[in-house]
N, C-alpha and C. Protein backbone atom coordinates (compact mmCIF):
# COMPACT_ATOMS: atom_id res chain seq x y z
N MET A 1 -12.84 1.48 24.04
CA MET A 1 -12.78 0.70 22.69
C MET A 1 -11.65 1.80 21.86
N VAL A 2 -10.23 1.65 21.32
CA VAL A 2 -9.38 2.13 20.95
C VAL A 2 -9.81 2.40 19.47
N ALA A 3 -9.62 3.77 19.16
CA ALA A 3 -10.12 4.30 17.92
C ALA A 3 -9.00 4.30 16.91
N VAL A 4 -9.54 4.00 15.29
CA VAL A 4 -8.31 3.82 14.26
C VAL A 4 -7.83 5.41 13.87
N THR A 5 -7.12 5.99 13.87
CA THR A 5 -6.96 7.19 13.53
C THR A 5 -6.33 7.40 11.63
N ARG A 6 -5.77 6.43 11.47
CA ARG A 6 -5.39 6.60 10.11
C ARG A 6 -5.11 5.17 9.56
N LEU A 7 -4.63 5.48 8.13
CA LEU A 7 -4.33 3.83 7.70
C LEU A 7 -2.90 4.31 7.52
N VAL A 8 -1.87 3.58 7.24
CA VAL A 8 -0.73 3.52 6.67
C VAL A 8 -0.17 2.36 5.98
N THR A 9 0.49 2.67 4.84
CA THR A 9 1.24 1.65 3.94
C THR A 9 2.62 1.96 3.89
N PHE A 10 3.12 0.72 4.56
CA PHE A 10 5.10 0.95 4.46
C PHE A 10 5.41 0.08 3.05
N ALA A 11 5.99 1.28 2.17
CA ALA A 11 6.97 0.60 1.05
C ALA A 11 8.13 0.13 1.12
N ASP A 12 8.63 -0.63 0.46
CA ASP A 12 10.21 -0.77 0.71
C ASP A 12 10.44 -1.47 -0.66
N VAL A 13 11.79 -1.63 -0.68
CA VAL A 13 12.33 -2.25 -1.81
C VAL A 13 12.60 -3.60 -1.73
N ASP A 14 12.08 -4.49 -2.81
CA ASP A 14 11.98 -5.74 -2.68
C ASP A 14 12.71 -6.68 -3.79
N ASP A 15 14.06 -6.42 -3.33
CA ASP A 15 14.87 -7.31 -4.38
C ASP A 15 14.76 -9.13 -4.45
N GLN A 16 14.03 -9.28 -3.41
CA GLN A 16 14.15 -10.88 -3.84
C GLN A 16 13.00 -11.49 -4.33
N HIS A 17 12.51 -10.44 -5.20
CA HIS A 17 11.31 -11.18 -6.17
C HIS A 17 11.49 -9.86 -7.34
N ALA A 18 12.83 -9.39 -7.46
CA ALA A 18 13.18 -8.29 -8.84
C ALA A 18 14.32 -9.51 -9.31
N GLY A 19 13.90 -9.86 -10.40
CA GLY A 19 14.63 -10.54 -11.37
C GLY A 19 15.52 -9.58 -12.02
N PRO A 20 16.76 -9.83 -13.05
CA PRO A 20 17.21 -8.69 -13.89
C PRO A 20 16.10 -7.87 -14.84
N GLY A 21 16.39 -6.80 -14.68
CA GLY A 21 15.41 -5.83 -15.66
C GLY A 21 14.21 -5.54 -14.78
N GLN A 22 14.08 -5.82 -13.40
CA GLN A 22 12.69 -5.25 -13.21
C GLN A 22 13.01 -4.56 -11.55
N LEU A 23 11.99 -3.91 -11.55
CA LEU A 23 12.09 -2.94 -9.90
C LEU A 23 10.86 -3.73 -9.44
N SER A 24 10.96 -3.90 -8.01
CA SER A 24 10.08 -4.61 -7.02
C SER A 24 10.04 -3.61 -5.55
N VAL A 25 8.39 -3.56 -5.65
CA VAL A 25 8.43 -3.11 -3.79
C VAL A 25 7.11 -3.75 -3.41
N SER A 26 7.66 -3.81 -2.35
CA SER A 26 7.01 -4.93 -1.04
C SER A 26 5.87 -3.79 -0.36
N LEU A 27 4.61 -4.21 0.16
CA LEU A 27 3.86 -3.21 0.90
C LEU A 27 3.28 -4.03 2.12
N ARG A 28 3.19 -3.19 3.08
CA ARG A 28 2.88 -3.53 4.41
C ARG A 28 1.30 -2.68 4.69
N HIS A 29 0.48 -3.22 4.76
CA HIS A 29 -0.90 -2.30 5.05
C HIS A 29 -1.20 -2.27 6.29
N GLU A 30 -1.45 -0.96 7.16
CA GLU A 30 -1.84 -1.49 8.40
C GLU A 30 -3.03 -0.24 9.25
N ALA A 31 -3.71 -0.55 10.31
CA ALA A 31 -4.15 0.62 10.75
C ALA A 31 -3.62 0.96 12.07
N GLU A 32 -3.55 2.44 12.09
CA GLU A 32 -2.76 2.96 12.98
C GLU A 32 -4.14 3.37 14.25
N LEU A 33 -3.82 2.85 15.68
CA LEU A 33 -4.76 3.44 16.46
C LEU A 33 -4.52 4.58 17.40
N ALA A 34 -5.60 4.97 18.17
CA ALA A 34 -5.28 6.32 18.59
C ALA A 34 -3.94 5.85 20.05
N ASP A 35 -3.90 4.62 20.52
CA ASP A 35 -3.23 4.71 21.66
C ASP A 35 -1.44 4.31 20.54
N GLY A 36 -1.45 4.51 19.38
CA GLY A 36 -0.04 4.51 19.23
C GLY A 36 0.06 2.77 18.39
N ARG A 37 -0.45 2.19 18.66
CA ARG A 37 -0.59 0.31 18.38
C ARG A 37 -0.92 0.42 16.69
N ARG A 38 -0.21 -0.61 15.85
CA ARG A 38 -0.65 -0.72 14.65
C ARG A 38 -1.22 -1.85 14.55
N VAL A 39 -2.20 -2.06 13.53
CA VAL A 39 -3.06 -3.47 13.40
C VAL A 39 -2.61 -3.70 12.08
N PRO A 40 -1.81 -5.02 11.79
CA PRO A 40 -1.57 -5.66 10.02
C PRO A 40 -3.09 -5.83 9.77
N LEU A 41 -3.03 -5.14 8.31
CA LEU A 41 -4.42 -5.13 7.50
C LEU A 41 -4.10 -6.09 6.37
N LEU A 42 -3.22 -5.66 5.62
CA LEU A 42 -2.70 -6.50 4.29
C LEU A 42 -0.95 -6.60 4.57
N HIS A 43 -0.19 -7.91 4.26
CA HIS A 43 1.54 -7.63 4.42
C HIS A 43 1.65 -8.82 3.01
N ASP A 44 0.86 -9.16 2.27
CA ASP A 44 1.10 -9.86 0.98
C ASP A 44 0.68 -8.79 -0.36
N ARG A 45 1.04 -7.66 -0.39
CA ARG A 45 0.85 -6.78 -1.21
C ARG A 45 2.32 -6.05 -1.86
N GLY A 46 2.36 -5.46 -2.96
CA GLY A 46 3.26 -5.00 -4.03
C GLY A 46 3.45 -5.11 -5.30
N TRP A 47 3.99 -4.86 -6.01
CA TRP A 47 4.35 -4.68 -7.48
C TRP A 47 5.50 -4.58 -7.70
N GLY A 48 5.80 -5.37 -9.02
CA GLY A 48 6.94 -5.13 -10.02
C GLY A 48 7.19 -4.72 -11.35
N GLU A 49 7.82 -4.22 -11.77
CA GLU A 49 7.76 -3.23 -13.00
C GLU A 49 9.26 -3.66 -14.00
N SER A 50 9.06 -3.84 -14.87
CA SER A 50 10.34 -4.44 -16.09
C SER A 50 10.71 -2.92 -16.63
N TYR A 51 11.84 -2.80 -16.71
CA TYR A 51 12.46 -1.81 -17.32
C TYR A 51 12.76 -2.14 -18.81
N ALA A 52 12.86 -0.91 -19.74
CA ALA A 52 13.37 -1.30 -21.20
C ALA A 52 14.95 -2.17 -21.28
N HIS A 53 14.98 -2.97 -22.03
CA HIS A 53 16.21 -3.71 -22.65
C HIS A 53 17.02 -2.00 -22.55
N GLY A 54 18.42 -2.27 -22.00
CA GLY A 54 19.24 -1.15 -22.46
C GLY A 54 19.12 0.20 -21.49
N SER A 55 17.98 -0.11 -20.59
CA SER A 55 17.79 1.30 -19.79
C SER A 55 19.11 1.15 -18.49
N ARG A 56 19.09 2.00 -18.24
CA ARG A 56 20.16 1.86 -16.87
C ARG A 56 19.63 0.94 -15.74
N PRO A 57 20.85 0.55 -15.28
CA PRO A 57 20.15 -0.64 -14.23
C PRO A 57 19.70 0.33 -12.73
N ASP A 58 19.85 1.39 -13.11
CA ASP A 58 19.49 2.41 -11.91
C ASP A 58 17.86 3.37 -12.14
N SER A 59 17.09 2.54 -12.72
CA SER A 59 16.05 3.32 -13.42
C SER A 59 15.05 3.50 -12.26
N TRP A 60 15.07 2.96 -11.10
CA TRP A 60 14.63 3.66 -9.75
C TRP A 60 14.55 5.15 -9.92
N ALA A 61 15.78 5.80 -10.57
CA ALA A 61 15.93 7.06 -10.19
C ALA A 61 14.36 8.04 -11.27
N GLU A 62 14.07 6.96 -12.22
CA GLU A 62 12.87 7.61 -12.81
C GLU A 62 11.95 7.59 -11.70
N LYS A 63 11.76 6.93 -10.68
CA LYS A 63 10.46 7.09 -10.16
C LYS A 63 10.73 8.20 -9.34
N SER A 64 9.42 8.68 -8.35
CA SER A 64 9.50 9.67 -7.73
C SER A 64 8.73 9.29 -6.41
N VAL A 65 8.47 10.10 -5.57
CA VAL A 65 7.86 9.71 -4.31
C VAL A 65 6.48 9.60 -4.80
N ALA A 66 6.12 10.55 -5.11
CA ALA A 66 4.36 10.81 -5.81
C ALA A 66 4.11 9.47 -6.71
N ASP A 67 4.87 8.79 -7.32
CA ASP A 67 4.84 7.92 -7.95
C ASP A 67 4.25 6.37 -7.43
N ILE A 68 5.47 6.47 -6.49
CA ILE A 68 5.27 5.36 -5.18
C ILE A 68 4.17 5.55 -4.26
N GLU A 69 3.68 6.65 -4.07
CA GLU A 69 3.05 6.79 -3.19
C GLU A 69 1.21 6.58 -3.90
N ARG A 70 1.36 7.14 -5.03
CA ARG A 70 -0.42 7.03 -5.69
C ARG A 70 -0.27 5.28 -6.12
N THR A 71 0.88 4.92 -6.70
CA THR A 71 0.51 3.07 -6.89
C THR A 71 0.52 2.32 -5.69
N ALA A 72 1.02 2.90 -4.59
CA ALA A 72 1.12 1.98 -3.41
C ALA A 72 -0.60 1.98 -3.05
N ARG A 73 -1.08 2.94 -3.08
CA ARG A 73 -2.75 3.30 -2.51
C ARG A 73 -3.35 2.40 -3.38
N VAL A 74 -3.29 2.01 -4.69
CA VAL A 74 -3.81 1.73 -6.11
C VAL A 74 -3.56 -0.07 -5.50
N VAL A 75 -2.39 -0.39 -5.30
CA VAL A 75 -2.55 -1.81 -5.19
C VAL A 75 -3.05 -2.55 -3.73
N VAL A 76 -2.96 -1.56 -2.61
CA VAL A 76 -3.57 -1.80 -1.42
C VAL A 76 -5.18 -2.16 -1.45
N GLY A 77 -5.53 -1.49 -2.45
CA GLY A 77 -7.18 -1.62 -3.07
C GLY A 77 -8.08 -0.10 -2.60
N PRO A 78 -8.94 -1.03 -2.99
CA PRO A 78 -9.65 -1.68 -3.67
C PRO A 78 -9.60 -2.34 -4.81
N ASP A 79 -9.61 -3.71 -5.04
CA ASP A 79 -9.04 -4.08 -6.37
C ASP A 79 -9.93 -3.57 -7.57
N GLU A 80 -9.69 -3.62 -8.98
CA GLU A 80 -10.40 -3.57 -10.09
C GLU A 80 -11.74 -4.20 -10.32
N PRO A 81 -12.93 -3.92 -10.26
CA PRO A 81 -14.06 -5.41 -10.77
C PRO A 81 -13.71 -5.88 -11.51
N SER A 82 -14.09 -7.41 -11.52
CA SER A 82 -14.09 -8.78 -11.79
C SER A 82 -15.64 -9.08 -12.35
N GLU A 83 -15.29 -9.72 -13.40
CA GLU A 83 -16.47 -10.16 -13.75
C GLU A 83 -17.51 -10.49 -13.07
N GLY A 84 -18.85 -9.69 -13.57
CA GLY A 84 -20.22 -9.78 -12.53
C GLY A 84 -19.81 -8.94 -11.24
N PHE A 85 -19.15 -8.03 -11.05
CA PHE A 85 -18.89 -7.17 -9.85
C PHE A 85 -18.70 -5.58 -10.57
N SER A 86 -19.24 -5.01 -9.57
CA SER A 86 -19.17 -3.55 -10.05
C SER A 86 -18.12 -2.51 -9.03
N ARG A 87 -18.19 -1.45 -9.72
CA ARG A 87 -16.97 -1.00 -8.56
C ARG A 87 -17.43 -0.77 -7.41
N ASP A 88 -18.92 -0.64 -6.90
CA ASP A 88 -19.21 -0.24 -5.68
C ASP A 88 -19.15 -1.60 -4.92
N ASP A 89 -19.16 -2.95 -5.69
CA ASP A 89 -19.12 -4.06 -4.85
C ASP A 89 -17.94 -4.60 -4.58
N MET A 90 -16.85 -4.43 -5.33
CA MET A 90 -15.28 -4.37 -5.01
C MET A 90 -15.23 -3.29 -3.73
N ASP A 91 -15.29 -1.97 -4.01
CA ASP A 91 -15.40 -1.01 -2.39
C ASP A 91 -15.84 -1.83 -1.57
N ALA A 92 -17.34 -2.13 -1.35
CA ALA A 92 -17.96 -2.46 -0.21
C ALA A 92 -17.16 -3.80 0.34
N GLY A 93 -16.58 -4.49 -0.71
CA GLY A 93 -16.31 -5.95 0.01
C GLY A 93 -15.10 -5.96 0.10
N HIS A 94 -14.16 -4.75 0.00
CA HIS A 94 -12.77 -4.30 0.35
C HIS A 94 -12.70 -3.92 1.81
N TRP A 95 -13.53 -2.88 1.81
CA TRP A 95 -13.55 -2.08 3.61
C TRP A 95 -14.18 -2.74 4.42
N THR A 96 -15.11 -4.18 3.88
CA THR A 96 -15.83 -4.49 4.78
C THR A 96 -14.35 -6.02 4.98
N HIS A 97 -13.88 -6.28 4.35
CA HIS A 97 -12.83 -7.48 4.82
C HIS A 97 -11.67 -6.84 5.54
N LEU A 98 -11.34 -5.32 5.56
CA LEU A 98 -10.45 -4.61 6.11
C LEU A 98 -10.95 -4.58 7.36
N ALA A 99 -12.30 -4.20 7.76
CA ALA A 99 -13.08 -4.07 9.18
C ALA A 99 -12.97 -5.08 9.45
N GLU A 100 -13.41 -6.32 9.07
CA GLU A 100 -13.25 -7.70 9.68
C GLU A 100 -12.38 -8.12 10.51
N THR A 101 -11.32 -7.64 9.48
CA THR A 101 -9.68 -7.99 9.99
C THR A 101 -9.54 -7.22 11.23
N LEU A 102 -10.09 -5.86 11.45
CA LEU A 102 -9.53 -5.27 12.80
C LEU A 102 -10.31 -6.01 13.94
N ARG A 103 -11.60 -6.33 13.54
CA ARG A 103 -12.51 -6.70 14.46
C ARG A 103 -12.08 -8.06 15.11
N ASN A 104 -11.81 -9.01 14.18
CA ASN A 104 -10.81 -10.30 14.67
C ASN A 104 -9.75 -10.15 15.51
N GLN A 105 -9.31 -8.59 15.46
CA GLN A 105 -8.02 -8.32 16.36
C GLN A 105 -8.64 -7.29 17.36
N GLY A 106 -9.65 -7.48 17.74
CA GLY A 106 -10.21 -6.53 18.91
C GLY A 106 -10.50 -4.91 18.50
N VAL A 107 -10.56 -4.71 16.97
CA VAL A 107 -11.02 -3.61 17.08
C VAL A 107 -11.92 -3.13 16.15
N VAL A 108 -12.95 -2.50 16.61
CA VAL A 108 -14.32 -2.44 16.28
C VAL A 108 -14.47 -0.90 15.58
N ILE A 109 -14.68 -1.18 14.03
CA ILE A 109 -14.97 0.24 13.13
C ILE A 109 -15.49 -0.26 11.86
N ASP A 110 -16.84 0.76 11.53
CA ASP A 110 -17.74 0.77 10.48
C ASP A 110 -16.72 0.79 9.54
N PRO A 111 -17.23 -0.26 8.18
CA PRO A 111 -16.20 0.06 7.17
C PRO A 111 -16.40 1.16 6.29
N ARG A 112 -17.46 1.96 6.46
CA ARG A 112 -17.38 3.16 6.07
C ARG A 112 -16.84 4.50 6.73
N GLU A 113 -16.43 4.06 7.75
CA GLU A 113 -15.87 5.11 8.85
C GLU A 113 -14.11 4.85 8.59
N LEU A 114 -14.18 3.29 8.31
CA LEU A 114 -12.58 2.94 7.75
C LEU A 114 -12.28 3.75 6.40
N ARG A 115 -12.76 3.70 5.62
CA ARG A 115 -12.81 4.30 4.53
C ARG A 115 -12.62 5.80 4.18
N ARG A 116 -12.82 6.44 5.10
CA ARG A 116 -12.98 7.91 5.18
C ARG A 116 -11.53 8.58 5.92
N LEU A 117 -10.96 7.25 6.43
CA LEU A 117 -9.77 7.72 7.17
C LEU A 117 -8.46 8.37 6.47
N PRO A 118 -7.65 8.93 6.92
CA PRO A 118 -6.71 9.17 6.11
C PRO A 118 -5.40 8.09 5.78
N HIS A 119 -4.66 7.69 4.88
CA HIS A 119 -4.10 7.21 4.12
C HIS A 119 -2.88 7.48 3.83
N ASP A 120 -1.76 7.48 5.04
CA ASP A 120 -0.46 7.84 4.30
C ASP A 120 0.22 6.69 4.02
N VAL A 121 1.58 6.82 2.93
CA VAL A 121 2.33 6.05 2.81
C VAL A 121 3.61 6.43 3.13
N VAL A 122 4.35 5.70 3.86
CA VAL A 122 5.54 5.62 4.30
C VAL A 122 6.40 4.94 3.40
N LEU A 123 7.51 5.53 2.96
CA LEU A 123 8.60 4.67 1.74
C LEU A 123 10.01 4.65 2.94
N SER A 124 10.28 3.31 2.83
CA SER A 124 11.59 2.94 3.64
C SER A 124 12.90 3.89 3.26
N GLN A 125 13.70 4.16 4.19
CA GLN A 125 14.87 4.81 3.82
C GLN A 125 15.67 4.00 2.40
N TRP A 126 15.52 2.83 2.46
CA TRP A 126 16.20 2.07 1.05
C TRP A 126 15.64 2.58 -0.17
N LEU A 127 14.39 2.56 0.10
CA LEU A 127 13.58 2.86 -0.99
C LEU A 127 13.65 4.22 -1.31
N ARG A 128 13.53 5.15 -0.62
CA ARG A 128 13.72 6.67 -0.93
C ARG A 128 15.77 6.76 -1.64
N ALA A 129 16.31 6.07 -1.20
CA ALA A 129 18.03 6.07 -1.45
C ALA A 129 17.66 5.52 -2.76
N ARG A 130 16.83 4.85 -3.46
CA ARG A 130 16.60 4.35 -4.74
C ARG A 130 16.21 5.11 -5.79
N ILE A 131 15.27 5.91 -5.51
CA ILE A 131 14.57 7.00 -6.54
C ILE A 131 15.35 8.64 -6.40
N ALA A 132 14.53 9.24 -7.04
CA ALA A 132 15.19 10.75 -7.25
C ALA A 132 14.72 11.46 -6.47
N CYS A 133 15.71 12.29 -5.93
CA CYS A 133 15.35 13.22 -4.98
C CYS A 133 14.19 13.73 -5.54
N ASP A 134 13.51 14.39 -4.35
CA ASP A 134 11.72 14.81 -4.50
C ASP A 134 11.82 16.19 -3.35
N PRO A 135 11.65 17.24 -3.84
CA PRO A 135 11.94 18.54 -3.04
C PRO A 135 10.92 18.17 -1.60
N ARG A 136 10.34 17.76 -1.74
CA ARG A 136 8.98 17.42 -0.68
C ARG A 136 9.77 16.97 0.89
């Protein structure tokens, strides 16, 4: 059985879903296995932001790598509690769902172990080109 070594979220510019005055980022969340393979977990996530009227069209330059990484981790979950559910309920449901997604693809891992894995965010070259330079 191949172990899961980390979670990786890939972030990219999503111009297809951005209208005038908007910034949009698409995300692909995967589990990386010890043998180098990646197993898709979530591919339908992302976010958009509107910028104020009159601001520069290059408002991407106001973003940083840290901003994008922080937001990406929030967007891939767990979600905020909805009515009738606690934070613990949402967390447990999220990690159980991801573990089941992996199990359906032949990878067995306990949701609690999955939750403890490192989670890296990788920005595409196009996204990096649009945001401000970061000394990291």
